[in-house]
Amino acid sequence: MFGKRQKAEKEKVNQGVNTTNDTTTANGKIWVCPKCKTENKRESLTCRMCGTFK
């Protein structure tokens, strides 16, 4: 059973990073760059090809 504090911490973890472009593929969770359409790791904040911010 979770207390109020544990619930709040769990929700905070689930929110994570901005997930607007996140997609789940066979390679795991990724986000697609809106500029060059390159797939990037979810943790990365910039595109690995063109440097566009997430």
Protein backbone atom coordinates (compact mmCIF):
# COMPACT_ATOMS: atom_id res chain seq x y z
CA MET A 1 0.00 0.00 0.00
CA PHE A 2 1.37 3.40 -0.96
CA GLY A 3 1.37 6.48 1.22
CA LYS A 4 0.68 9.96 -0.15
CA ARG A 5 4.37 10.77 -0.41
CA GLN A 6 5.18 7.54 -2.28
CA LYS A 7 2.33 8.15 -4.74
CA ALA A 8 3.59 11.67 -5.43
CA GLU A 9 7.13 10.41 -6.01
CA LYS A 10 5.89 7.63 -8.31
CA GLU A 11 3.87 10.14 -10.40
CA LYS A 12 6.90 12.43 -10.60
CA VAL A 13 9.02 9.56 -12.01
CA ASN A 14 6.31 8.59 -14.51
CA GLN A 15 6.13 12.16 -15.89
CA GLY A 16 9.80 12.04 -16.91
CA VAL A 17 10.98 14.01 -19.94
CA ASN A 18 8.80 15.81 -22.48
CA THR A 19 7.19 12.94 -24.40
CA THR A 20 5.53 14.82 -27.28
CA ASN A 21 7.48 12.99 -30.01
CA ASP A 22 7.97 9.67 -28.16
CA THR A 23 7.17 6.46 -29.99
CA THR A 24 7.63 2.83 -28.96
CA THR A 25 9.41 0.66 -31.52
CA ALA A 26 11.22 -2.69 -31.54
CA ASN A 27 14.30 -0.76 -30.37
CA GLY A 28 12.47 0.59 -27.33
CA LYS A 29 11.10 4.06 -26.66
CA ILE A 30 12.40 6.71 -29.04
CA TRP A 31 11.45 10.17 -30.30
CA VAL A 32 11.45 11.26 -33.93
CA CYS A 33 13.03 14.59 -34.86
CA PRO A 34 10.41 16.86 -36.47
CA LYS A 35 13.07 18.46 -38.70
CA CYS A 36 14.97 15.49 -40.19
CA LYS A 37 12.76 12.53 -39.11
CA THR A 38 15.69 10.73 -37.43
CA GLU A 39 14.93 8.33 -34.57
CA ASN A 40 16.68 9.29 -31.32
CA LYS A 41 16.95 7.74 -27.86
CA ARG A 42 14.26 8.92 -25.45
CA GLU A 43 16.86 10.23 -22.97
CA SER A 44 18.57 12.50 -25.51
CA LEU A 45 17.42 16.12 -25.59
CA THR A 46 18.85 16.92 -29.03
CA CYS A 47 18.72 15.14 -32.38
CA ARG A 48 21.87 13.11 -33.08
CA MET A 49 21.88 14.12 -36.77
CA CYS A 50 20.88 17.79 -36.96
CA GLY A 51 21.08 18.98 -33.31
CA THR A 52 17.45 20.13 -33.09
CA PHE A 53 16.13 20.25 -29.51
CA LYS A 54 13.39 17.81 -28.55
